[in-house]
Amino acid sequence: MKKIVAFAVALSMLLSGMLVAVGGEARDGGERVIESIEGTESEATEIQDWHDLDEIRDDLDGDYILMNDLDEDTDGYDELVDTTDGWEPIGEDRENVFTGTFDGNEHEISDLYIDRRDTDYVGLFGHIFDGGEVRNVDIVDAEVRGEVYVGGLAGSNRGHCGELVFDR
């Protein structure tokens, strides 16, 4: 009986033209849509360069999708990463934590440099907190230094990270 009900629901959704995204991405009318950890759909902000990545800190509970690899040749690297202290972690303190979704879209972030030896919670993200999700991203050739709670992806992770690859 359950199979018949599930089939009827799926068929009615298909016939009505509803968009269903399960564990990934889908498109609806040309807009990129991702499913967040709570299972709700929303339009994701596209990340194309280091400037876009840096703007995540302006909306720490937003949904983001990486559209291409980021490395030392990508726009914004010289201003935001290739400095004395390097990249400033997103969600850098306990009052500003990342609770959104970040889908790496199977891309990689390479040449990440952070040298904040007197700072706690150091990584691409300083804090990923309850409800935050980071997935489908490779961190490659990262050089990250901090005081306590240090990692390539995150200094502190109380959210969800799935399908990540770290390579040095």
Foldseek 3Di string as FASTA:
>chain_A
DVVVVVVVVVVVCVVVVHDADDPAWDDDPRFIWDQFPVRDIDGADEDEEVVSLVCCLVPLAGHYEYDAEYECVGPPQVPAAVDPQGHQARQQDPVRARQHEYEDVLHEYEPGEGHAAAGAKDENHSHHADNYEYENYEYEHYHYHYHAQYDHHISYYHYYYYHYHYYD
